[in-house]
Amino acid sequence: MSLTDFINVLWQDPAILIVVVLTLGVILVNGWTDAPNAIATCVSTRAMKPRAAIVMAAVCNFLGVFVMTLINSKVAATISNMVDFGDNAGEATTALCAALFAIVVWATAAWAFGIPTSESHALIAGLTGAAIALHGSFDGVNGAEWIKVIYGLGLSSVLGFGSGFAMTKLIELFCKRMDRIKTVKFFRGAQIAGGASMAFMHGAQDGQKFMGVFLLGITMAQNNMNTTEFVIPIWLMILCSVVMALGTSIGGYKIIKSVVMDMVKLETYQGFAADMGGAFCLLLASVTGIPVSTTHTKTTAIMGVGASKRLSAINWAVVKEMVLAWVLTFPGCGLLGFLMVKLFAMLF
């Protein structure tokens, strides 16, 4: 669909307009909660100023969506095939809108407390809860695709922590006999590259997820229920990147403070280690088509870096709050999506 065709359809069909507004709302809160993780370390160590980091994140998010979609669009396919909203276009569109509304409410509440909850898992939980409510059973859930989420949860946590730990130890071993002042200058610049890598992979992972939902909503509203493949247009990639950047500029600093400044104090080389370790894990997940959480990956990578010094270097009270939010996301946002479908069905 070209941009001109999209605008024409948007003004002609109020249902599509509602779907688009809610989807953009989810992308916006993703900018609040997920996108700041990509630039958290380079901002916290003062390698970059927040405004410059946000611009860099927007550009790299777009490049991540564009390049990875050309190479491999498995993540978008996994999200779109995870649930089945049935053959009734009206009911399906209502259920999708209810799920997106639930995700916005959940993410906004988490942001208000400065907790970097995973928008990826909120998206999956909200869609699943909506599908269950629509069918009145688990018939609307594709278990073969859903199990990839569980794999991703374990993969992002274990590999994130391990890669952050290993990368830090490797850098310390390699730079052991080097002049500390020179290495600080080098890693201050290298952190910018690391932050760009994380932002790129954030676009590759989360950008595809939301693009898939965006196009899924439009096809539902147009009564094209049999559509199984999507071609993501460039204008949609740009729109996603801009909205994510807007969300990051509005509320990103609060998440940056929770992820790095409150959880563990990092030096420049440690920030670089966390960025590169997290980016490697996201690349592995994107190539294999597993929808992992960028929040889990980056946060556990930072934990791994902190653990490489000593376990007491990590503020475990902050970690406890984050883990609790992660654990509650699936049942909490899923139940919220379920209830919103029931409410929307009565209202509309």
C-alpha atoms as a PDB file:
ATOM      1  CA  MET A   1       0.000   0.000   0.000  1.00  0.00           C
ATOM      2  CA  SER A   2       1.392   3.394  -1.007  1.00  0.00           C
ATOM      3  CA  LEU A   3       1.257   6.364   1.362  1.00  0.00           C
ATOM      4  CA  THR A   4      -1.351   8.076  -0.826  1.00  0.00           C
ATOM      5  CA  ASP A   5      -3.574   4.991  -0.813  1.00  0.00           C
ATOM      6  CA  PHE A   6      -3.162   4.692   2.942  1.00  0.00           C
ATOM      7  CA  ILE A   7      -4.228   8.316   3.546  1.00  0.00           C
ATOM      8  CA  ASN A   8      -7.263   7.898   1.291  1.00  0.00           C
ATOM      9  CA  VAL A   9      -8.353   4.728   3.089  1.00  0.00           C
ATOM     10  CA  LEU A  10      -7.711   6.373   6.446  1.00  0.00           C
ATOM     11  CA  TRP A  11     -10.195   9.174   5.823  1.00  0.00           C
ATOM     12  CA  GLN A  12     -12.809   6.881   4.309  1.00  0.00           C
ATOM     13  CA  ASP A  13     -12.942   4.254   7.060  1.00  0.00           C
ATOM     14  CA  PRO A  14     -13.200   5.308  10.750  1.00  0.00           C
ATOM     15  CA  ALA A  15     -12.348   1.757  11.868  1.00  0.00           C
ATOM     16  CA  ILE A  16      -8.934   1.956  10.195  1.00  0.00           C
ATOM     17  CA  LEU A  17      -8.369   5.375  11.743  1.00  0.00           C
ATOM     18  CA  ILE A  18      -8.993   3.943  15.223  1.00  0.00           C
ATOM     19  CA  VAL A  19      -6.666   0.995  14.568  1.00  0.00           C
ATOM     20  CA  VAL A  20      -3.920   3.318  13.315  1.00  0.00           C
ATOM     21  CA  VAL A  21      -4.239   5.708  16.272  1.00  0.00           C
ATOM     22  CA  LEU A  22      -4.075   2.865  18.797  1.00  0.00           C
ATOM     23  CA  THR A  23      -1.147   1.185  17.009  1.00  0.00           C
ATOM     24  CA  LEU A  24       0.780   4.449  16.930  1.00  0.00           C
ATOM     25  CA  GLY A  25      -0.050   4.830  20.615  1.00  0.00           C
ATOM     26  CA  VAL A  26       1.568   1.455  21.312  1.00  0.00           C
ATOM     27  CA  ILE A  27       4.616   2.456  19.253  1.00  0.00           C
ATOM     28  CA  LEU A  28       4.800   5.735  21.193  1.00  0.00           C
ATOM     29  CA  VAL A  29       4.843   3.985  24.567  1.00  0.00           C
ATOM     30  CA  ASN A  30       7.425   1.595  23.138  1.00  0.00           C
ATOM     31  CA  GLY A  31       9.554   4.704  22.700  1.00  0.00           C
ATOM     32  CA  TRP A  32       8.936   5.505  26.369  1.00  0.00           C
ATOM     33  CA  THR A  33       9.871   2.084  27.675  1.00  0.00           C
ATOM     34  CA  ASP A  34      11.905   0.000  25.198  1.00  0.00           C
ATOM     35  CA  ALA A  35      13.806   2.393  22.933  1.00  0.00           C
ATOM     36  CA  PRO A  36      15.603   4.187  25.828  1.00  0.00           C
ATOM     37  CA  ASN A  37      17.302   0.903  26.739  1.00  0.00           C
ATOM     38  CA  ALA A  38      19.298   1.097  23.506  1.00  0.00           C
ATOM     39  CA  ILE A  39      20.871   4.438  24.419  1.00  0.00           C
ATOM     40  CA  ALA A  40      20.813   4.136  28.213  1.00  0.00           C
ATOM     41  CA  THR A  41      24.473   3.289  28.693  1.00  0.00           C
ATOM     42  CA  CYS A  42      25.967   5.884  26.353  1.00  0.00           C
ATOM     43  CA  VAL A  43      23.837   8.605  27.988  1.00  0.00           C
ATOM     44  CA  SER A  44      24.564   7.485  31.558  1.00  0.00           C
ATOM     45  CA  THR A  45      28.354   7.496  30.974  1.00  0.00           C
ATOM     46  CA  ARG A  46      28.046  10.875  29.196  1.00  0.00           C
ATOM     47  CA  ALA A  47      29.427   9.564  25.930  1.00  0.00           C
ATOM     48  CA  MET A  48      26.463  11.288  24.266  1.00  0.00           C
ATOM     49  CA  LYS A  49      23.987  13.965  25.269  1.00  0.00           C
ATOM     50  CA  PRO A  50      20.361  12.778  25.510  1.00  0.00           C
ATOM     51  CA  ARG A  51      19.103  14.788  22.529  1.00  0.00           C
ATOM     52  CA  ALA A  52      21.873  13.569  20.205  1.00  0.00           C
ATOM     53  CA  ALA A  53      21.351   9.994  21.417  1.00  0.00           C
ATOM     54  CA  ILE A  54      17.618  10.197  20.654  1.00  0.00           C
ATOM     55  CA  VAL A  55      18.306  11.403  17.097  1.00  0.00           C
ATOM     56  CA  MET A  56      20.820   8.594  16.643  1.00  0.00           C
ATOM     57  CA  ALA A  57      18.300   6.079  17.996  1.00  0.00           C
ATOM     58  CA  ALA A  58      15.638   7.270  15.539  1.00  0.00           C
ATOM     59  CA  VAL A  59      17.959   6.910  12.541  1.00  0.00           C
ATOM     60  CA  CYS A  60      19.269   3.518  13.625  1.00  0.00           C
ATOM     61  CA  ASN A  61      15.763   2.270  14.445  1.00  0.00           C
ATOM     62  CA  PHE A  62      14.742   3.021  10.864  1.00  0.00           C
ATOM     63  CA  LEU A  63      17.851   1.365   9.436  1.00  0.00           C
ATOM     64  CA  GLY A  64      17.258  -1.677  11.636  1.00  0.00           C
ATOM     65  CA  VAL A  65      13.671  -2.051  10.414  1.00  0.00           C
ATOM     66  CA  PHE A  66      14.629  -1.481   6.786  1.00  0.00           C
ATOM     67  CA  VAL A  67      17.732  -3.679   6.583  1.00  0.00           C
ATOM     68  CA  MET A  68      16.444  -6.575   8.671  1.00  0.00           C
ATOM     69  CA  THR A  69      13.109  -6.613   6.823  1.00  0.00           C
ATOM     70  CA  LEU A  70      14.989  -6.967   3.543  1.00  0.00           C
ATOM     71  CA  ILE A  71      17.108  -9.791   4.961  1.00  0.00           C
ATOM     72  CA  ASN A  72      14.636 -11.616   7.180  1.00  0.00           C
ATOM     73  CA  SER A  73      11.039 -10.752   8.163  1.00  0.00           C
ATOM     74  CA  LYS A  74      10.470 -13.822  10.352  1.00  0.00           C
ATOM     75  CA  VAL A  75       9.791 -11.762  13.492  1.00  0.00           C
ATOM     76  CA  ALA A  76       6.895  -9.919  11.846  1.00  0.00           C
ATOM     77  CA  ALA A  77       5.509 -13.223  10.562  1.00  0.00           C
ATOM     78  CA  THR A  78       5.719 -14.791  14.031  1.00  0.00           C
ATOM     79  CA  ILE A  79       3.748 -11.945  15.610  1.00  0.00           C
ATOM     80  CA  SER A  80       1.044 -11.897  12.918  1.00  0.00           C
ATOM     81  CA  ASN A  81       0.589 -15.683  13.084  1.00  0.00           C
ATOM     82  CA  MET A  82       0.622 -15.976  16.866  1.00  0.00           C
ATOM     83  CA  VAL A  83      -3.119 -15.505  17.349  1.00  0.00           C
ATOM     84  CA  ASP A  84      -6.253 -15.970  15.275  1.00  0.00           C
ATOM     85  CA  PHE A  85      -9.040 -13.416  15.637  1.00  0.00           C
ATOM     86  CA  GLY A  86     -11.482 -15.420  13.532  1.00  0.00           C
ATOM     87  CA  ASP A  87     -13.248 -14.703  10.244  1.00  0.00           C
ATOM     88  CA  ASN A  88     -15.549 -11.885  11.384  1.00  0.00           C
ATOM     89  CA  ALA A  89     -13.730  -8.690  10.394  1.00  0.00           C
ATOM     90  CA  GLY A  90     -15.775  -6.464  12.700  1.00  0.00           C
ATOM     91  CA  GLU A  91     -15.221  -8.592  15.792  1.00  0.00           C
ATOM     92  CA  ALA A  92     -11.557  -9.105  14.934  1.00  0.00           C
ATOM     93  CA  THR A  93     -10.941  -5.373  14.530  1.00  0.00           C
ATOM     94  CA  THR A  94     -12.689  -4.630  17.826  1.00  0.00           C
ATOM     95  CA  ALA A  95     -10.614  -7.290  19.599  1.00  0.00           C
ATOM     96  CA  LEU A  96      -7.364  -5.935  18.150  1.00  0.00           C
ATOM     97  CA  CYS A  97      -8.273  -2.378  19.209  1.00  0.00           C
ATOM     98  CA  ALA A  98      -9.071  -3.623  22.715  1.00  0.00           C
ATOM     99  CA  ALA A  99      -5.705  -5.417  22.906  1.00  0.00           C
ATOM    100  CA  LEU A 100      -3.797  -2.323  21.762  1.00  0.00           C
ATOM    101  CA  PHE A 101      -5.664  -0.156  24.270  1.00  0.00           C
ATOM    102  CA  ALA A 102      -4.757  -2.596  27.055  1.00  0.00           C
ATOM    103  CA  ILE A 103      -1.082  -2.470  26.048  1.00  0.00           C
ATOM    104  CA  VAL A 104      -1.057   1.343  26.153  1.00  0.00           C
ATOM    105  CA  VAL A 105      -2.627   1.343  29.641  1.00  0.00           C
ATOM    106  CA  TRP A 106      -0.189  -1.292  30.952  1.00  0.00           C
ATOM    107  CA  ALA A 107       2.900   0.406  29.505  1.00  0.00           C
ATOM    108  CA  THR A 108       1.880   3.867  30.713  1.00  0.00           C
ATOM    109  CA  ALA A 109       1.408   2.567  34.253  1.00  0.00           C
ATOM    110  CA  ALA A 110       4.856   0.918  34.179  1.00  0.00           C
ATOM    111  CA  TRP A 111       6.464   4.082  32.818  1.00  0.00           C
ATOM    112  CA  ALA A 112       4.876   6.159  35.589  1.00  0.00           C
ATOM    113  CA  PHE A 113       6.852   4.082  38.094  1.00  0.00           C
ATOM    114  CA  GLY A 114      10.021   4.173  35.978  1.00  0.00           C
ATOM    115  CA  ILE A 115       9.977   0.392  35.443  1.00  0.00           C
ATOM    116  CA  PRO A 116      11.324  -0.757  32.028  1.00  0.00           C
ATOM    117  CA  THR A 117       8.607  -3.303  31.298  1.00  0.00           C
ATOM    118  CA  SER A 118       8.832  -5.185  28.021  1.00  0.00           C
ATOM    119  CA  GLU A 119       6.549  -3.826  25.314  1.00  0.00           C
ATOM    120  CA  SER A 120       7.267  -6.931  23.260  1.00  0.00           C
ATOM    121  CA  HIS A 121       5.789  -9.181  25.910  1.00  0.00           C
ATOM    122  CA  ALA A 122       2.980  -6.733  26.652  1.00  0.00           C
ATOM    123  CA  LEU A 123       2.101  -6.840  22.948  1.00  0.00           C
ATOM    124  CA  ILE A 124       2.096 -10.635  22.909  1.00  0.00           C
ATOM    125  CA  ALA A 125       0.138 -10.896  26.187  1.00  0.00           C
ATOM    126  CA  GLY A 126      -2.453  -8.327  25.107  1.00  0.00           C
ATOM    127  CA  LEU A 127      -3.053 -10.006  21.751  1.00  0.00           C
ATOM    128  CA  THR A 128      -3.287 -13.427  23.402  1.00  0.00           C
ATOM    129  CA  GLY A 129      -5.770 -12.261  26.035  1.00  0.00           C
ATOM    130  CA  ALA A 130      -7.887 -10.633  23.325  1.00  0.00           C
ATOM    131  CA  ALA A 131      -7.911 -13.798  21.196  1.00  0.00           C
ATOM    132  CA  ILE A 132      -8.939 -15.929  24.172  1.00  0.00           C
ATOM    133  CA  ALA A 133     -11.767 -13.520  25.006  1.00  0.00           C
ATOM    134  CA  LEU A 134     -12.987 -13.504  21.398  1.00  0.00           C
ATOM    135  CA  HIS A 135     -13.054 -17.299  21.072  1.00  0.00           C
ATOM    136  CA  GLY A 136     -13.995 -18.040  24.647  1.00  0.00           C
ATOM    137  CA  SER A 137     -11.166 -20.588  24.720  1.00  0.00           C
ATOM    138  CA  PHE A 138      -7.522 -21.105  23.752  1.00  0.00           C
ATOM    139  CA  ASP A 139      -8.510 -22.024  20.183  1.00  0.00           C
ATOM    140  CA  GLY A 140      -7.375 -18.615  18.969  1.00  0.00           C
ATOM    141  CA  VAL A 141      -3.806 -19.107  20.209  1.00  0.00           C
ATOM    142  CA  ASN A 142      -1.210 -20.692  17.915  1.00  0.00           C
ATOM    143  CA  GLY A 143       0.878 -22.715  20.351  1.00  0.00           C
ATOM    144  CA  ALA A 144       3.621 -23.465  17.815  1.00  0.00           C
ATOM    145  CA  GLU A 145       4.304 -19.747  17.355  1.00  0.00           C
ATOM    146  CA  TRP A 146       3.634 -18.797  20.968  1.00  0.00           C
ATOM    147  CA  ILE A 147       6.248 -21.198  22.312  1.00  0.00           C
ATOM    148  CA  LYS A 148       8.873 -19.110  20.517  1.00  0.00           C
ATOM    149  CA  VAL A 149       8.112 -16.360  23.032  1.00  0.00           C
ATOM    150  CA  ILE A 150       9.066 -18.651  25.907  1.00  0.00           C
ATOM    151  CA  TYR A 151      12.270 -19.567  24.093  1.00  0.00           C
ATOM    152  CA  GLY A 152      12.939 -15.867  23.558  1.00  0.00           C
ATOM    153  CA  LEU A 153      12.375 -15.071  27.228  1.00  0.00           C
ATOM    154  CA  GLY A 154      14.988 -17.593  28.299  1.00  0.00           C
ATOM    155  CA  LEU A 155      17.340 -16.750  25.451  1.00  0.00           C
ATOM    156  CA  SER A 156      17.284 -12.996  26.043  1.00  0.00           C
ATOM    157  CA  SER A 157      17.874 -13.348  29.791  1.00  0.00           C
ATOM    158  CA  VAL A 158      20.597 -16.012  29.774  1.00  0.00           C
ATOM    159  CA  LEU A 159      22.494 -14.821  26.705  1.00  0.00           C
ATOM    160  CA  GLY A 160      22.134 -11.168  27.702  1.00  0.00           C
ATOM    161  CA  PHE A 161      23.679 -11.761  31.122  1.00  0.00           C
ATOM    162  CA  GLY A 162      26.349 -14.112  29.780  1.00  0.00           C
ATOM    163  CA  SER A 163      27.378 -11.871  26.888  1.00  0.00           C
ATOM    164  CA  GLY A 164      27.636  -8.794  29.121  1.00  0.00           C
ATOM    165  CA  PHE A 165      29.807 -10.700  31.609  1.00  0.00           C
ATOM    166  CA  ALA A 166      32.018 -12.301  28.943  1.00  0.00           C
ATOM    167  CA  MET A 167      32.440  -9.099  26.922  1.00  0.00           C
ATOM    168  CA  THR A 168      33.557  -7.176  29.999  1.00  0.00           C
ATOM    169  CA  LYS A 169      36.104  -9.809  30.990  1.00  0.00           C
ATOM    170  CA  LEU A 170      37.423  -9.963  27.431  1.00  0.00           C
ATOM    171  CA  ILE A 171      37.906  -6.190  27.247  1.00  0.00           C
ATOM    172  CA  GLU A 172      39.611  -6.105  30.647  1.00  0.00           C
ATOM    173  CA  LEU A 173      41.985  -8.877  29.569  1.00  0.00           C
ATOM    174  CA  PHE A 174      42.780  -7.216  26.234  1.00  0.00           C
ATOM    175  CA  CYS A 175      43.313  -3.728  27.713  1.00  0.00           C
ATOM    176  CA  LYS A 176      45.085  -4.842  30.880  1.00  0.00           C
ATOM    177  CA  ARG A 177      48.454  -3.285  29.991  1.00  0.00           C
ATOM    178  CA  MET A 178      47.134  -0.255  28.103  1.00  0.00           C
ATOM    179  CA  ASP A 179      47.130   3.345  29.291  1.00  0.00           C
ATOM    180  CA  ARG A 180      43.839   3.933  31.133  1.00  0.00           C
ATOM    181  CA  ILE A 181      43.390   7.515  29.895  1.00  0.00           C
ATOM    182  CA  LYS A 182      43.731   6.443  26.278  1.00  0.00           C
ATOM    183  CA  THR A 183      41.312   3.545  26.691  1.00  0.00           C
ATOM    184  CA  VAL A 184      38.710   5.837  28.284  1.00  0.00           C
ATOM    185  CA  LYS A 185      38.872   8.135  25.259  1.00  0.00           C
ATOM    186  CA  PHE A 186      38.618   5.178  22.884  1.00  0.00           C
ATOM    187  CA  PHE A 187      35.658   3.566  24.627  1.00  0.00           C
ATOM    188  CA  ARG A 188      33.837   6.880  24.916  1.00  0.00           C
ATOM    189  CA  GLY A 189      33.727   6.922  21.121  1.00  0.00           C
ATOM    190  CA  ALA A 190      33.163   3.192  20.905  1.00  0.00           C
ATOM    191  CA  GLN A 191      30.110   3.546  23.123  1.00  0.00           C
ATOM    192  CA  ILE A 192      28.453   5.658  20.459  1.00  0.00           C
ATOM    193  CA  ALA A 193      28.946   2.781  18.023  1.00  0.00           C
ATOM    194  CA  GLY A 194      27.620   0.385  20.666  1.00  0.00           C
ATOM    195  CA  GLY A 195      24.535   2.511  21.271  1.00  0.00           C
ATOM    196  CA  ALA A 196      23.937   2.736  17.530  1.00  0.00           C
ATOM    197  CA  SER A 197      24.202  -1.050  17.279  1.00  0.00           C
ATOM    198  CA  MET A 198      21.635  -1.524  20.039  1.00  0.00           C
ATOM    199  CA  ALA A 199      19.274   1.006  18.439  1.00  0.00           C
ATOM    200  CA  PHE A 200      19.684  -0.738  15.084  1.00  0.00           C
ATOM    201  CA  MET A 201      18.811  -4.114  16.583  1.00  0.00           C
ATOM    202  CA  HIS A 202      15.916  -2.591  18.531  1.00  0.00           C
ATOM    203  CA  GLY A 203      14.449  -1.506  15.207  1.00  0.00           C
ATOM    204  CA  ALA A 204      15.153  -4.926  13.722  1.00  0.00           C
ATOM    205  CA  GLN A 205      13.262  -6.645  16.554  1.00  0.00           C
ATOM    206  CA  ASP A 206      10.552  -4.296  17.854  1.00  0.00           C
ATOM    207  CA  GLY A 207      10.074  -2.384  14.621  1.00  0.00           C
ATOM    208  CA  GLN A 208       9.074  -5.562  12.814  1.00  0.00           C
ATOM    209  CA  LYS A 209       6.669  -6.544  15.595  1.00  0.00           C
ATOM    210  CA  PHE A 210       4.741  -3.306  15.442  1.00  0.00           C
ATOM    211  CA  MET A 211       4.825  -3.110  11.678  1.00  0.00           C
ATOM    212  CA  GLY A 212       3.229  -6.557  11.584  1.00  0.00           C
ATOM    213  CA  VAL A 213       0.467  -5.480  13.981  1.00  0.00           C
ATOM    214  CA  PHE A 214      -0.063  -2.226  12.074  1.00  0.00           C
ATOM    215  CA  LEU A 215      -0.604  -4.004   8.757  1.00  0.00           C
ATOM    216  CA  LEU A 216      -2.618  -6.774  10.414  1.00  0.00           C
ATOM    217  CA  GLY A 217      -5.022  -4.174  11.783  1.00  0.00           C
ATOM    218  CA  ILE A 218      -5.455  -2.504   8.390  1.00  0.00           C
ATOM    219  CA  THR A 219      -6.191  -5.806   6.638  1.00  0.00           C
ATOM    220  CA  MET A 220      -8.737  -6.689   9.324  1.00  0.00           C
ATOM    221  CA  ALA A 221     -10.488  -3.345   9.014  1.00  0.00           C
ATOM    222  CA  GLN A 222     -10.604  -3.789   5.221  1.00  0.00           C
ATOM    223  CA  ASN A 223     -12.097  -7.272   5.657  1.00  0.00           C
ATOM    224  CA  ASN A 224      -9.059  -8.985   4.109  1.00  0.00           C
ATOM    225  CA  MET A 225      -9.052 -11.737   6.707  1.00  0.00           C
ATOM    226  CA  ASN A 226      -7.221 -14.257   4.518  1.00  0.00           C
ATOM    227  CA  THR A 227      -4.061 -12.170   4.168  1.00  0.00           C
ATOM    228  CA  THR A 228      -1.059 -14.192   5.357  1.00  0.00           C
ATOM    229  CA  GLU A 229       1.897 -12.215   3.982  1.00  0.00           C
ATOM    230  CA  PHE A 230       2.747  -8.523   4.372  1.00  0.00           C
ATOM    231  CA  VAL A 231       5.035  -6.212   2.427  1.00  0.00           C
ATOM    232  CA  ILE A 232       6.208  -3.467   4.773  1.00  0.00           C
ATOM    233  CA  PRO A 233       6.405  -0.118   2.904  1.00  0.00           C
ATOM    234  CA  ILE A 234       9.238   2.341   3.516  1.00  0.00           C
ATOM    235  CA  TRP A 235       6.886   5.130   4.634  1.00  0.00           C
ATOM    236  CA  LEU A 236       5.642   2.874   7.441  1.00  0.00           C
ATOM    237  CA  MET A 237       9.216   2.197   8.567  1.00  0.00           C
ATOM    238  CA  ILE A 238       9.872   5.945   8.724  1.00  0.00           C
ATOM    239  CA  LEU A 239       6.613   6.577  10.591  1.00  0.00           C
ATOM    240  CA  CYS A 240       7.459   3.909  13.169  1.00  0.00           C
ATOM    241  CA  SER A 241      10.949   5.342  13.732  1.00  0.00           C
ATOM    242  CA  VAL A 242       9.694   8.903  14.155  1.00  0.00           C
ATOM    243  CA  VAL A 243       6.957   7.940  16.623  1.00  0.00           C
ATOM    244  CA  MET A 244       9.400   5.808  18.639  1.00  0.00           C
ATOM    245  CA  ALA A 245      11.832   8.738  18.792  1.00  0.00           C
ATOM    246  CA  LEU A 246       9.034  11.033  19.946  1.00  0.00           C
ATOM    247  CA  GLY A 247       8.185   8.629  22.762  1.00  0.00           C
ATOM    248  CA  THR A 248      11.839   8.409  23.792  1.00  0.00           C
ATOM    249  CA  SER A 249      12.144  12.205  23.888  1.00  0.00           C
ATOM    250  CA  ILE A 250       9.019  12.482  26.069  1.00  0.00           C
ATOM    251  CA  GLY A 251       9.758   9.931  28.745  1.00  0.00           C
ATOM    252  CA  GLY A 252      12.990   8.162  27.954  1.00  0.00           C
ATOM    253  CA  TYR A 253      15.176   9.672  30.660  1.00  0.00           C
ATOM    254  CA  LYS A 254      13.099   8.112  33.433  1.00  0.00           C
ATOM    255  CA  ILE A 255      13.748   4.630  32.037  1.00  0.00           C
ATOM    256  CA  ILE A 256      17.424   5.418  31.379  1.00  0.00           C
ATOM    257  CA  LYS A 257      17.790   6.344  35.059  1.00  0.00           C
ATOM    258  CA  SER A 258      16.205   3.070  36.208  1.00  0.00           C
ATOM    259  CA  VAL A 259      18.079   0.824  33.778  1.00  0.00           C
ATOM    260  CA  VAL A 260      21.599   2.100  34.397  1.00  0.00           C
ATOM    261  CA  MET A 261      21.957   4.918  36.913  1.00  0.00           C
ATOM    262  CA  ASP A 262      20.000   3.214  39.692  1.00  0.00           C
ATOM    263  CA  MET A 263      20.826  -0.435  38.948  1.00  0.00           C
ATOM    264  CA  VAL A 264      24.612  -0.360  38.488  1.00  0.00           C
ATOM    265  CA  LYS A 265      27.306   2.273  37.943  1.00  0.00           C
ATOM    266  CA  LEU A 266      29.173   1.721  34.683  1.00  0.00           C
ATOM    267  CA  GLU A 267      32.454   2.963  33.270  1.00  0.00           C
ATOM    268  CA  THR A 268      32.742   3.690  29.554  1.00  0.00           C
ATOM    269  CA  TYR A 269      34.246   0.324  28.595  1.00  0.00           C
ATOM    270  CA  GLN A 270      31.569  -1.453  30.623  1.00  0.00           C
ATOM    271  CA  GLY A 271      28.836   0.470  28.840  1.00  0.00           C
ATOM    272  CA  PHE A 272      30.381  -0.579  25.534  1.00  0.00           C
ATOM    273  CA  ALA A 273      30.463  -4.213  26.688  1.00  0.00           C
ATOM    274  CA  ALA A 274      26.766  -4.105  27.631  1.00  0.00           C
ATOM    275  CA  ASP A 275      25.804  -2.553  24.285  1.00  0.00           C
ATOM    276  CA  MET A 276      27.745  -4.999  22.140  1.00  0.00           C
ATOM    277  CA  GLY A 277      26.678  -8.010  24.191  1.00  0.00           C
ATOM    278  CA  GLY A 278      23.025  -7.000  23.947  1.00  0.00           C
ATOM    279  CA  ALA A 279      23.266  -6.231  20.224  1.00  0.00           C
ATOM    280  CA  PHE A 280      24.796  -9.651  19.539  1.00  0.00           C
ATOM    281  CA  CYS A 281      21.912 -11.409  21.324  1.00  0.00           C
ATOM    282  CA  LEU A 282      19.296  -9.387  19.413  1.00  0.00           C
ATOM    283  CA  LEU A 283      21.014 -10.150  16.103  1.00  0.00           C
ATOM    284  CA  LEU A 284      20.969 -13.870  16.882  1.00  0.00           C
ATOM    285  CA  ALA A 285      17.276 -13.727  17.793  1.00  0.00           C
ATOM    286  CA  SER A 286      16.315 -11.699  14.703  1.00  0.00           C
ATOM    287  CA  VAL A 287      18.071 -14.067  12.311  1.00  0.00           C
ATOM    288  CA  THR A 288      16.354 -17.085  13.875  1.00  0.00           C
ATOM    289  CA  GLY A 289      12.960 -15.331  13.931  1.00  0.00           C
ATOM    290  CA  ILE A 290      12.484 -15.472  17.712  1.00  0.00           C
ATOM    291  CA  PRO A 291      10.660 -12.394  19.104  1.00  0.00           C
ATOM    292  CA  VAL A 292      12.759 -11.525  22.155  1.00  0.00           C
ATOM    293  CA  SER A 293      12.486  -8.537  24.448  1.00  0.00           C
ATOM    294  CA  THR A 294      15.018  -5.769  23.907  1.00  0.00           C
ATOM    295  CA  THR A 295      14.375  -4.674  27.500  1.00  0.00           C
ATOM    296  CA  HIS A 296      15.273  -8.103  28.896  1.00  0.00           C
ATOM    297  CA  THR A 297      18.308  -8.424  26.657  1.00  0.00           C
ATOM    298  CA  LYS A 298      19.855  -5.036  27.412  1.00  0.00           C
ATOM    299  CA  THR A 299      18.998  -5.050  31.109  1.00  0.00           C
ATOM    300  CA  THR A 300      20.413  -8.532  31.728  1.00  0.00           C
ATOM    301  CA  ALA A 301      23.521  -7.586  29.731  1.00  0.00           C
ATOM    302  CA  ILE A 302      24.010  -4.648  32.120  1.00  0.00           C
ATOM    303  CA  MET A 303      23.518  -7.036  35.047  1.00  0.00           C
ATOM    304  CA  GLY A 304      26.187  -9.295  33.562  1.00  0.00           C
ATOM    305  CA  VAL A 305      28.583  -6.361  33.321  1.00  0.00           C
ATOM    306  CA  GLY A 306      27.903  -5.464  36.953  1.00  0.00           C
ATOM    307  CA  ALA A 307      28.381  -9.071  38.049  1.00  0.00           C
ATOM    308  CA  SER A 308      31.774  -9.140  36.339  1.00  0.00           C
ATOM    309  CA  LYS A 309      32.963  -6.699  39.018  1.00  0.00           C
ATOM    310  CA  ARG A 310      31.116  -8.260  41.953  1.00  0.00           C
ATOM    311  CA  LEU A 311      27.531  -9.216  42.659  1.00  0.00           C
ATOM    312  CA  SER A 312      27.229  -6.468  45.271  1.00  0.00           C
ATOM    313  CA  ALA A 313      27.830  -3.884  42.527  1.00  0.00           C
ATOM    314  CA  ILE A 314      24.266  -4.511  41.344  1.00  0.00           C
ATOM    315  CA  ASN A 315      21.381  -2.794  43.104  1.00  0.00           C
ATOM    316  CA  TRP A 316      19.259  -5.896  43.612  1.00  0.00           C
ATOM    317  CA  ALA A 317      16.295  -3.896  44.896  1.00  0.00           C
ATOM    318  CA  VAL A 318      15.981  -2.280  41.455  1.00  0.00           C
ATOM    319  CA  VAL A 319      16.483  -5.656  39.771  1.00  0.00           C
ATOM    320  CA  LYS A 320      13.711  -7.131  41.940  1.00  0.00           C
ATOM    321  CA  GLU A 321      11.280  -4.431  40.777  1.00  0.00           C
ATOM    322  CA  MET A 322      12.161  -5.064  37.127  1.00  0.00           C
ATOM    323  CA  VAL A 323      11.835  -8.839  37.370  1.00  0.00           C
ATOM    324  CA  LEU A 324       8.495  -8.498  39.146  1.00  0.00           C
ATOM    325  CA  ALA A 325       7.230  -6.281  36.318  1.00  0.00           C
ATOM    326  CA  TRP A 326       8.458  -8.812  33.736  1.00  0.00           C
ATOM    327  CA  VAL A 327       6.774 -11.711  35.538  1.00  0.00           C
ATOM    328  CA  LEU A 328       3.486  -9.830  35.889  1.00  0.00           C
ATOM    329  CA  THR A 329       3.405  -8.664  32.269  1.00  0.00           C
ATOM    330  CA  PHE A 330       2.042 -11.886  30.760  1.00  0.00           C
ATOM    331  CA  PRO A 331      -0.833 -12.519  33.192  1.00  0.00           C
ATOM    332  CA  GLY A 332      -1.464  -8.842  33.916  1.00  0.00           C
ATOM    333  CA  CYS A 333      -1.535  -7.459  30.385  1.00  0.00           C
ATOM    334  CA  GLY A 334      -3.173 -10.655  29.111  1.00  0.00           C
ATOM    335  CA  LEU A 335      -6.020 -10.288  31.617  1.00  0.00           C
ATOM    336  CA  LEU A 336      -6.317  -6.602  30.772  1.00  0.00           C
ATOM    337  CA  GLY A 337      -6.575  -7.455  27.058  1.00  0.00           C
ATOM    338  CA  PHE A 338      -9.242 -10.069  27.871  1.00  0.00           C
ATOM    339  CA  LEU A 339     -11.307  -7.589  29.909  1.00  0.00           C
ATOM    340  CA  MET A 340     -10.946  -4.829  27.321  1.00  0.00           C
ATOM    341  CA  VAL A 341     -12.363  -7.102  24.613  1.00  0.00           C
ATOM    342  CA  LYS A 342     -15.410  -7.799  26.793  1.00  0.00           C
ATOM    343  CA  LEU A 343     -15.813  -4.087  27.490  1.00  0.00           C
ATOM    344  CA  PHE A 344     -15.359  -3.044  23.849  1.00  0.00           C
ATOM    345  CA  ALA A 345     -17.854  -5.725  22.742  1.00  0.00           C
ATOM    346  CA  MET A 346     -20.493  -4.189  25.013  1.00  0.00           C
ATOM    347  CA  LEU A 347     -19.703  -0.614  23.946  1.00  0.00           C
ATOM    348  CA  PHE A 348     -19.357  -1.198  20.196  1.00  0.00           C
END
